[in-house]
């Protein structure tokens, strides 16, 4: 799954920012799990081991003073992180 916007994706790759994900399915969600972003051609991506077609995925990135969250999104979509408290 690709992480956006690029400014946050770059922060993930520079260190000091943690990234985790959880799956949603039929109104239930899993616990948060840490993930390691990887810089690839075309952007920054995270691997989603164990994801099923019917899952929605929520991503959270945190640094000391900021938290960004995504809406629960299909694994086939670009995930847009938004600063927590900014409508999230």
PDB file of N, CA and C in Angstrom:
ATOM      1  N   UNK A   1       0.849  -1.157   0.000  1.00  0.00           N
ATOM      2  CA  UNK A   1       0.000   0.000   0.000  1.00  0.00           C
ATOM      3  C   UNK A   1       0.900   1.228   0.000  1.00  0.00           C
ATOM      4  N   UNK A   2       0.596   2.185  -0.861  1.00  0.00           N
ATOM      5  CA  UNK A   2       1.430   3.388  -0.976  1.00  0.00           C
ATOM      6  C   UNK A   2       0.983   4.446   0.037  1.00  0.00           C
ATOM      7  N   UNK A   3       1.959   5.110   0.639  1.00  0.00           N
ATOM      8  CA  UNK A   3       1.719   6.155   1.637  1.00  0.00           C
ATOM      9  C   UNK A   3       1.832   7.536   0.988  1.00  0.00           C
ATOM     10  N   UNK A   4       0.881   8.410   1.298  1.00  0.00           N
ATOM     11  CA  UNK A   4       0.889   9.796   0.820  1.00  0.00           C
ATOM     12  C   UNK A   4       0.345  10.686   1.937  1.00  0.00           C
ATOM     13  N   UNK A   5       0.578  11.961   1.904  1.00  0.00           N
ATOM     14  CA  UNK A   5       1.352  12.693   0.921  1.00  0.00           C
ATOM     15  C   UNK A   5       2.849  12.414   1.059  1.00  0.00           C
ATOM     16  N   UNK A   6       3.581  12.797   0.046  1.00  0.00           N
ATOM     17  CA  UNK A   6       5.007  12.486  -0.019  1.00  0.00           C
ATOM     18  C   UNK A   6       5.788  13.103   1.140  1.00  0.00           C
ATOM     19  N   UNK A   7       5.356  14.260   1.644  1.00  0.00           N
ATOM     20  CA  UNK A   7       6.068  14.899   2.762  1.00  0.00           C
ATOM     21  C   UNK A   7       6.065  13.993   3.994  1.00  0.00           C
ATOM     22  N   UNK A   8       4.949  13.321   4.269  1.00  0.00           N
ATOM     23  CA  UNK A   8       4.874  12.402   5.408  1.00  0.00           C
ATOM     24  C   UNK A   8       5.640  11.121   5.086  1.00  0.00           C
ATOM     25  N   UNK A   9       5.525  10.640   3.861  1.00  0.00           N
ATOM     26  CA  UNK A   9       6.262   9.439   3.455  1.00  0.00           C
ATOM     27  C   UNK A   9       7.764   9.650   3.628  1.00  0.00           C
ATOM     28  N   UNK A  10       8.265  10.834   3.288  1.00  0.00           N
ATOM     29  CA  UNK A  10       9.690  11.144   3.470  1.00  0.00           C
ATOM     30  C   UNK A  10      10.065  11.131   4.948  1.00  0.00           C
ATOM     31  N   UNK A  11       9.180  11.668   5.810  1.00  0.00           N
ATOM     32  CA  UNK A  11       9.448  11.647   7.248  1.00  0.00           C
ATOM     33  C   UNK A  11       9.573  10.208   7.743  1.00  0.00           C
ATOM     34  N   UNK A  12       8.731   9.319   7.233  1.00  0.00           N
ATOM     35  CA  UNK A  12       8.787   7.915   7.630  1.00  0.00           C
ATOM     36  C   UNK A  12      10.140   7.306   7.279  1.00  0.00           C
ATOM     37  N   UNK A  13      10.682   7.674   6.152  1.00  0.00           N
ATOM     38  CA  UNK A  13      11.942   7.105   5.692  1.00  0.00           C
ATOM     39  C   UNK A  13      13.152   7.729   6.405  1.00  0.00           C
ATOM     40  N   UNK A  14      12.992   8.932   6.944  1.00  0.00           N
ATOM     41  CA  UNK A  14      14.105   9.624   7.610  1.00  0.00           C
ATOM     42  C   UNK A  14      14.253   9.235   9.069  1.00  0.00           C
ATOM     43  N   UNK A  15      13.336   8.451   9.599  1.00  0.00           N
ATOM     44  CA  UNK A  15      13.416   8.005  10.988  1.00  0.00           C
ATOM     45  C   UNK A  15      12.721   8.965  11.941  1.00  0.00           C
ATOM     46  N   UNK A  16      12.516   8.495  13.155  1.00  0.00           N
ATOM     47  CA  UNK A  16      11.863   9.318  14.164  1.00  0.00           C
ATOM     48  C   UNK A  16      10.348   9.314  14.071  1.00  0.00           C
ATOM     49  N   UNK A  17       9.805   8.631  13.074  1.00  0.00           N
ATOM     50  CA  UNK A  17       8.354   8.518  12.897  1.00  0.00           C
ATOM     51  C   UNK A  17       8.013   7.036  12.849  1.00  0.00           C
ATOM     52  N   UNK A  18       7.069   6.621  13.687  1.00  0.00           N
ATOM     53  CA  UNK A  18       6.633   5.225  13.672  1.00  0.00           C
ATOM     54  C   UNK A  18       5.414   5.088  12.772  1.00  0.00           C
ATOM     55  N   UNK A  19       5.222   3.886  12.269  1.00  0.00           N
ATOM     56  CA  UNK A  19       4.100   3.615  11.379  1.00  0.00           C
ATOM     57  C   UNK A  19       3.463   2.299  11.801  1.00  0.00           C
ATOM     58  N   UNK A  20       2.141   2.273  11.860  1.00  0.00           N
ATOM     59  CA  UNK A  20       1.445   1.034  12.184  1.00  0.00           C
ATOM     60  C   UNK A  20       0.138   0.961  11.416  1.00  0.00           C
ATOM     61  N   UNK A  21      -0.432  -0.240  11.386  1.00  0.00           N
ATOM     62  CA  UNK A  21      -1.657  -0.471  10.628  1.00  0.00           C
ATOM     63  C   UNK A  21      -2.591  -1.380  11.414  1.00  0.00           C
ATOM     64  N   UNK A  22      -3.872  -1.304  11.043  1.00  0.00           N
ATOM     65  CA  UNK A  22      -4.848  -2.270  11.541  1.00  0.00           C
ATOM     66  C   UNK A  22      -5.865  -2.524  10.447  1.00  0.00           C
ATOM     67  N   UNK A  23      -6.475  -3.704  10.507  1.00  0.00           N
ATOM     68  CA  UNK A  23      -7.465  -4.107   9.516  1.00  0.00           C
ATOM     69  C   UNK A  23      -8.873  -3.953  10.090  1.00  0.00           C
ATOM     70  N   UNK A  24      -9.808  -3.587   9.217  1.00  0.00           N
ATOM     71  CA  UNK A  24     -11.228  -3.519   9.570  1.00  0.00           C
ATOM     72  C   UNK A  24     -11.989  -4.513   8.700  1.00  0.00           C
ATOM     73  N   UNK A  25     -12.922  -5.240   9.316  1.00  0.00           N
ATOM     74  CA  UNK A  25     -13.749  -6.182   8.562  1.00  0.00           C
ATOM     75  C   UNK A  25     -15.086  -6.327   9.285  1.00  0.00           C
ATOM     76  N   UNK A  26     -16.162  -5.985   8.587  1.00  0.00           N
ATOM     77  CA  UNK A  26     -17.526  -6.101   9.118  1.00  0.00           C
ATOM     78  C   UNK A  26     -17.685  -5.462  10.500  1.00  0.00           C
ATOM     79  N   UNK A  27     -17.182  -4.246  10.659  1.00  0.00           N
ATOM     80  CA  UNK A  27     -17.358  -3.497  11.890  1.00  0.00           C
ATOM     81  C   UNK A  27     -16.403  -3.841  13.019  1.00  0.00           C
ATOM     82  N   UNK A  28     -15.490  -4.770  12.789  1.00  0.00           N
ATOM     83  CA  UNK A  28     -14.506  -5.135  13.808  1.00  0.00           C
ATOM     84  C   UNK A  28     -13.120  -4.795  13.282  1.00  0.00           C
ATOM     85  N   UNK A  29     -12.236  -4.439  14.222  1.00  0.00           N
ATOM     86  CA  UNK A  29     -10.869  -4.132  13.775  1.00  0.00           C
ATOM     87  C   UNK A  29      -9.856  -4.903  14.600  1.00  0.00           C
ATOM     88  N   UNK A  30      -8.718  -5.147  13.993  1.00  0.00           N
ATOM     89  CA  UNK A  30      -7.614  -5.833  14.663  1.00  0.00           C
ATOM     90  C   UNK A  30      -6.865  -4.838  15.542  1.00  0.00           C
ATOM     91  N   UNK A  31      -5.952  -5.344  16.346  1.00  0.00           N
ATOM     92  CA  UNK A  31      -5.057  -4.477  17.105  1.00  0.00           C
ATOM     93  C   UNK A  31      -4.087  -3.803  16.139  1.00  0.00           C
ATOM     94  N   UNK A  32      -3.537  -2.687  16.561  1.00  0.00           N
ATOM     95  CA  UNK A  32      -2.512  -2.004  15.776  1.00  0.00           C
ATOM     96  C   UNK A  32      -1.264  -2.873  15.723  1.00  0.00           C
ATOM     97  N   UNK A  33      -0.605  -2.915  14.550  1.00  0.00           N
ATOM     98  CA  UNK A  33       0.666  -3.613  14.380  1.00  0.00           C
ATOM     99  C   UNK A  33       1.665  -2.682  13.709  1.00  0.00           C
ATOM    100  N   UNK A  34       2.894  -2.679  14.219  1.00  0.00           N
ATOM    101  CA  UNK A  34       3.945  -1.864  13.609  1.00  0.00           C
ATOM    102  C   UNK A  34       4.260  -2.377  12.212  1.00  0.00           C
ATOM    103  N   UNK A  35       4.535  -1.451  11.302  1.00  0.00           N
ATOM    104  CA  UNK A  35       4.949  -1.803   9.936  1.00  0.00           C
ATOM    105  C   UNK A  35       6.178  -0.974   9.589  1.00  0.00           C
ATOM    106  N   UNK A  36       6.960  -1.486   8.663  1.00  0.00           N
ATOM    107  CA  UNK A  36       8.172  -0.795   8.222  1.00  0.00           C
ATOM    108  C   UNK A  36       7.974  -0.304   6.794  1.00  0.00           C
ATOM    109  N   UNK A  37       7.957   1.005   6.594  1.00  0.00           N
ATOM    110  CA  UNK A  37       7.828   1.539   5.236  1.00  0.00           C
ATOM    111  C   UNK A  37       9.087   1.264   4.419  1.00  0.00           C
ATOM    112  N   UNK A  38       8.900   1.108   3.123  1.00  0.00           N
ATOM    113  CA  UNK A  38      10.010   0.857   2.201  1.00  0.00           C
ATOM    114  C   UNK A  38       9.900   1.854   1.051  1.00  0.00           C
ATOM    115  N   UNK A  39      11.006   2.533   0.777  1.00  0.00           N
ATOM    116  CA  UNK A  39      11.057   3.462  -0.361  1.00  0.00           C
ATOM    117  C   UNK A  39      11.296   2.649  -1.623  1.00  0.00           C
ATOM    118  N   UNK A  40      10.364   2.720  -2.547  1.00  0.00           N
ATOM    119  CA  UNK A  40      10.452   1.995  -3.819  1.00  0.00           C
ATOM    120  C   UNK A  40      10.285   2.978  -4.959  1.00  0.00           C
ATOM    121  N   UNK A  41      10.507   2.504  -6.172  1.00  0.00           N
ATOM    122  CA  UNK A  41      10.246   3.332  -7.335  1.00  0.00           C
ATOM    123  C   UNK A  41       8.784   3.757  -7.291  1.00  0.00           C
ATOM    124  N   UNK A  42       8.552   5.045  -7.362  1.00  0.00           N
ATOM    125  CA  UNK A  42       7.184   5.546  -7.368  1.00  0.00           C
ATOM    126  C   UNK A  42       6.664   5.994  -6.019  1.00  0.00           C
ATOM    127  N   UNK A  43       7.406   5.742  -4.927  1.00  0.00           N
ATOM    128  CA  UNK A  43       6.925   6.223  -3.638  1.00  0.00           C
ATOM    129  C   UNK A  43       7.336   5.359  -2.466  1.00  0.00           C
ATOM    130  N   UNK A  44       6.650   5.577  -1.345  1.00  0.00           N
ATOM    131  CA  UNK A  44       6.891   4.835  -0.117  1.00  0.00           C
ATOM    132  C   UNK A  44       5.730   3.893   0.111  1.00  0.00           C
ATOM    133  N   UNK A  45       6.037   2.623   0.405  1.00  0.00           N
ATOM    134  CA  UNK A  45       5.014   1.584   0.514  1.00  0.00           C
ATOM    135  C   UNK A  45       5.170   0.822   1.820  1.00  0.00           C
ATOM    136  N   UNK A  46       4.066   0.222   2.283  1.00  0.00           N
ATOM    137  CA  UNK A  46       4.123  -0.710   3.401  1.00  0.00           C
ATOM    138  C   UNK A  46       3.549  -2.039   2.941  1.00  0.00           C
ATOM    139  N   UNK A  47       4.084  -3.108   3.500  1.00  0.00           N
ATOM    140  CA  UNK A  47       3.605  -4.458   3.214  1.00  0.00           C
ATOM    141  C   UNK A  47       2.441  -4.764   4.146  1.00  0.00           C
ATOM    142  N   UNK A  48       1.451  -5.496   3.649  1.00  0.00           N
ATOM    143  CA  UNK A  48       0.241  -5.790   4.416  1.00  0.00           C
ATOM    144  C   UNK A  48       0.038  -7.296   4.540  1.00  0.00           C
ATOM    145  N   UNK A  49       0.945  -7.944   5.251  1.00  0.00           N
ATOM    146  CA  UNK A  49       0.837  -9.390   5.423  1.00  0.00           C
ATOM    147  C   UNK A  49      -0.455  -9.738   6.143  1.00  0.00           C
ATOM    148  N   UNK A  50      -1.170 -10.735   5.617  1.00  0.00           N
ATOM    149  CA  UNK A  50      -2.403 -11.202   6.229  1.00  0.00           C
ATOM    150  C   UNK A  50      -3.652 -10.481   5.777  1.00  0.00           C
ATOM    151  N   UNK A  51      -3.518  -9.472   4.928  1.00  0.00           N
ATOM    152  CA  UNK A  51      -4.696  -8.741   4.468  1.00  0.00           C
ATOM    153  C   UNK A  51      -5.545  -9.628   3.558  1.00  0.00           C
ATOM    154  N   UNK A  52      -6.861  -9.490   3.684  1.00  0.00           N
ATOM    155  CA  UNK A  52      -7.811 -10.208   2.831  1.00  0.00           C
ATOM    156  C   UNK A  52      -8.527  -9.189   1.954  1.00  0.00           C
ATOM    157  N   UNK A  53      -9.094  -9.653   0.837  1.00  0.00           N
ATOM    158  CA  UNK A  53      -9.749  -8.743  -0.099  1.00  0.00           C
ATOM    159  C   UNK A  53     -10.816  -7.876   0.558  1.00  0.00           C
ATOM    160  N   UNK A  54     -11.541  -8.414   1.537  1.00  0.00           N
ATOM    161  CA  UNK A  54     -12.635  -7.660   2.157  1.00  0.00           C
ATOM    162  C   UNK A  54     -12.184  -6.732   3.294  1.00  0.00           C
ATOM    163  N   UNK A  55     -10.907  -6.742   3.638  1.00  0.00           N
ATOM    164  CA  UNK A  55     -10.398  -5.853   4.681  1.00  0.00           C
ATOM    165  C   UNK A  55     -10.298  -4.408   4.189  1.00  0.00           C
ATOM    166  N   UNK A  56     -10.536  -3.487   5.106  1.00  0.00           N
ATOM    167  CA  UNK A  56     -10.146  -2.094   4.939  1.00  0.00           C
ATOM    168  C   UNK A  56      -8.950  -1.886   5.855  1.00  0.00           C
ATOM    169  N   UNK A  57      -8.038  -1.018   5.462  1.00  0.00           N
ATOM    170  CA  UNK A  57      -6.798  -0.824   6.216  1.00  0.00           C
ATOM    171  C   UNK A  57      -6.720   0.611   6.698  1.00  0.00           C
ATOM    172  N   UNK A  58      -6.362   0.777   7.966  1.00  0.00           N
ATOM    173  CA  UNK A  58      -6.150   2.093   8.557  1.00  0.00           C
ATOM    174  C   UNK A  58      -4.664   2.207   8.901  1.00  0.00           C
ATOM    175  N   UNK A  59      -4.071   3.337   8.571  1.00  0.00           N
ATOM    176  CA  UNK A  59      -2.646   3.568   8.803  1.00  0.00           C
ATOM    177  C   UNK A  59      -2.483   4.747   9.761  1.00  0.00           C
ATOM    178  N   UNK A  60      -1.527   4.622  10.686  1.00  0.00           N
ATOM    179  CA  UNK A  60      -1.196   5.706  11.606  1.00  0.00           C
ATOM    180  C   UNK A  60       0.309   5.931  11.569  1.00  0.00           C
ATOM    181  N   UNK A  61       0.708   7.185  11.492  1.00  0.00           N
ATOM    182  CA  UNK A  61       2.119   7.568  11.589  1.00  0.00           C
ATOM    183  C   UNK A  61       2.233   8.557  12.748  1.00  0.00           C
ATOM    184  N   UNK A  62       3.271   8.372  13.583  1.00  0.00           N
ATOM    185  CA  UNK A  62       3.442   9.225  14.764  1.00  0.00           C
ATOM    186  C   UNK A  62       4.883   9.678  14.896  1.00  0.00           C
ATOM    187  N   UNK A  63       5.053  10.969  15.197  1.00  0.00           N
ATOM    188  CA  UNK A  63       6.329  11.470  15.680  1.00  0.00           C
ATOM    189  C   UNK A  63       6.042  12.152  16.999  1.00  0.00           C
ATOM    190  N   UNK A  64       7.020  12.701  17.646  1.00  0.00           N
ATOM    191  CA  UNK A  64       6.855  13.190  19.018  1.00  0.00           C
ATOM    192  C   UNK A  64       5.642  14.101  19.202  1.00  0.00           C
ATOM    193  N   UNK A  65       5.437  15.070  18.330  1.00  0.00           N
ATOM    194  CA  UNK A  65       4.355  16.045  18.517  1.00  0.00           C
ATOM    195  C   UNK A  65       3.222  15.927  17.510  1.00  0.00           C
ATOM    196  N   UNK A  66       3.320  15.026  16.547  1.00  0.00           N
ATOM    197  CA  UNK A  66       2.315  14.931  15.489  1.00  0.00           C
ATOM    198  C   UNK A  66       1.846  13.493  15.291  1.00  0.00           C
ATOM    199  N   UNK A  67       0.587  13.355  14.953  1.00  0.00           N
ATOM    200  CA  UNK A  67       0.021  12.061  14.585  1.00  0.00           C
ATOM    201  C   UNK A  67      -0.782  12.246  13.312  1.00  0.00           C
ATOM    202  N   UNK A  68      -0.578  11.334  12.349  1.00  0.00           N
ATOM    203  CA  UNK A  68      -1.341  11.344  11.110  1.00  0.00           C
ATOM    204  C   UNK A  68      -2.101  10.031  10.999  1.00  0.00           C
ATOM    205  N   UNK A  69      -3.350  10.099  10.547  1.00  0.00           N
ATOM    206  CA  UNK A  69      -4.187   8.914  10.380  1.00  0.00           C
ATOM    207  C   UNK A  69      -4.782   8.904   8.989  1.00  0.00           C
ATOM    208  N   UNK A  70      -5.053   7.711   8.510  1.00  0.00           N
ATOM    209  CA  UNK A  70      -5.773   7.580   7.248  1.00  0.00           C
ATOM    210  C   UNK A  70      -7.186   7.110   7.562  1.00  0.00           C
ATOM    211  N   UNK A  71      -8.122   7.385   6.662  1.00  0.00           N
ATOM    212  CA  UNK A  71      -9.406   6.711   6.789  1.00  0.00           C
ATOM    213  C   UNK A  71      -9.203   5.229   6.467  1.00  0.00           C
ATOM    214  N   UNK A  72     -10.099   4.370   6.917  1.00  0.00           N
ATOM    215  CA  UNK A  72     -10.030   2.952   6.556  1.00  0.00           C
ATOM    216  C   UNK A  72     -10.219   2.852   5.044  1.00  0.00           C
ATOM    217  N   UNK A  73      -9.243   2.229   4.371  1.00  0.00           N
ATOM    218  CA  UNK A  73      -9.133   2.268   2.917  1.00  0.00           C
ATOM    219  C   UNK A  73      -8.884   0.873   2.358  1.00  0.00           C
ATOM    220  N   UNK A  74      -9.371   0.620   1.161  1.00  0.00           N
ATOM    221  CA  UNK A  74      -9.077  -0.624   0.463  1.00  0.00           C
ATOM    222  C   UNK A  74      -7.571  -0.738   0.231  1.00  0.00           C
ATOM    223  N   UNK A  75      -7.062  -1.972   0.238  1.00  0.00           N
ATOM    224  CA  UNK A  75      -5.630  -2.174   0.017  1.00  0.00           C
ATOM    225  C   UNK A  75      -5.175  -1.750  -1.370  1.00  0.00           C
ATOM    226  N   UNK A  76      -6.092  -1.568  -2.287  1.00  0.00           N
ATOM    227  CA  UNK A  76      -5.743  -1.239  -3.672  1.00  0.00           C
ATOM    228  C   UNK A  76      -5.671   0.265  -3.908  1.00  0.00           C
ATOM    229  N   UNK A  77      -5.891   1.057  -2.850  1.00  0.00           N
ATOM    230  CA  UNK A  77      -5.937   2.508  -2.989  1.00  0.00           C
ATOM    231  C   UNK A  77      -4.673   3.148  -2.420  1.00  0.00           C
ATOM    232  N   UNK A  78      -4.339   4.323  -2.922  1.00  0.00           N
ATOM    233  CA  UNK A  78      -3.311   5.163  -2.331  1.00  0.00           C
ATOM    234  C   UNK A  78      -3.866   5.644  -0.993  1.00  0.00           C
ATOM    235  N   UNK A  79      -3.112   5.527   0.082  1.00  0.00           N
ATOM    236  CA  UNK A  79      -3.609   5.941   1.396  1.00  0.00           C
ATOM    237  C   UNK A  79      -3.107   7.347   1.712  1.00  0.00           C
ATOM    238  N   UNK A  80      -4.049   8.242   1.992  1.00  0.00           N
ATOM    239  CA  UNK A  80      -3.742   9.637   2.308  1.00  0.00           C
ATOM    240  C   UNK A  80      -3.792   9.840   3.810  1.00  0.00           C
ATOM    241  N   UNK A  81      -2.653  10.133   4.419  1.00  0.00           N
ATOM    242  CA  UNK A  81      -2.606  10.424   5.844  1.00  0.00           C
ATOM    243  C   UNK A  81      -2.991  11.874   6.070  1.00  0.00           C
ATOM    244  N   UNK A  82      -3.750  12.110   7.151  1.00  0.00           N
ATOM    245  CA  UNK A  82      -4.155  13.464   7.531  1.00  0.00           C
ATOM    246  C   UNK A  82      -3.749  13.676   8.973  1.00  0.00           C
ATOM    247  N   UNK A  83      -3.366  14.907   9.296  1.00  0.00           N
ATOM    248  CA  UNK A  83      -2.973  15.202  10.660  1.00  0.00           C
ATOM    249  C   UNK A  83      -4.152  14.992  11.591  1.00  0.00           C
ATOM    250  N   UNK A  84      -3.922  14.310  12.705  1.00  0.00           N
ATOM    251  CA  UNK A  84      -4.978  14.048  13.675  1.00  0.00           C
ATOM    252  C   UNK A  84      -5.504  15.368  14.205  1.00  0.00           C
ATOM    253  N   UNK A  85      -6.819  15.484  14.298  1.00  0.00           N
ATOM    254  CA  UNK A  85      -7.431  16.719  14.728  1.00  0.00           C
ATOM    255  C   UNK A  85      -7.807  17.599  13.546  1.00  0.00           C
ATOM    256  N   UNK A  86      -7.387  17.210  12.357  1.00  0.00           N
ATOM    257  CA  UNK A  86      -7.691  17.935  11.123  1.00  0.00           C
ATOM    258  C   UNK A  86      -8.834  17.231  10.421  1.00  0.00           C
ATOM    259  N   UNK A  87      -9.968  17.079  11.138  1.00  0.00           N
ATOM    260  CA  UNK A  87     -11.116  16.345  10.595  1.00  0.00           C
ATOM    261  C   UNK A  87     -10.996  14.856  10.810  1.00  0.00           C
ATOM    262  N   UNK A  88      -9.992  14.428  11.566  1.00  0.00           N
ATOM    263  CA  UNK A  88      -9.767  13.001  11.799  1.00  0.00           C
ATOM    264  C   UNK A  88     -10.014  12.706  13.258  1.00  0.00           C
TER     265      UNK A  88
END
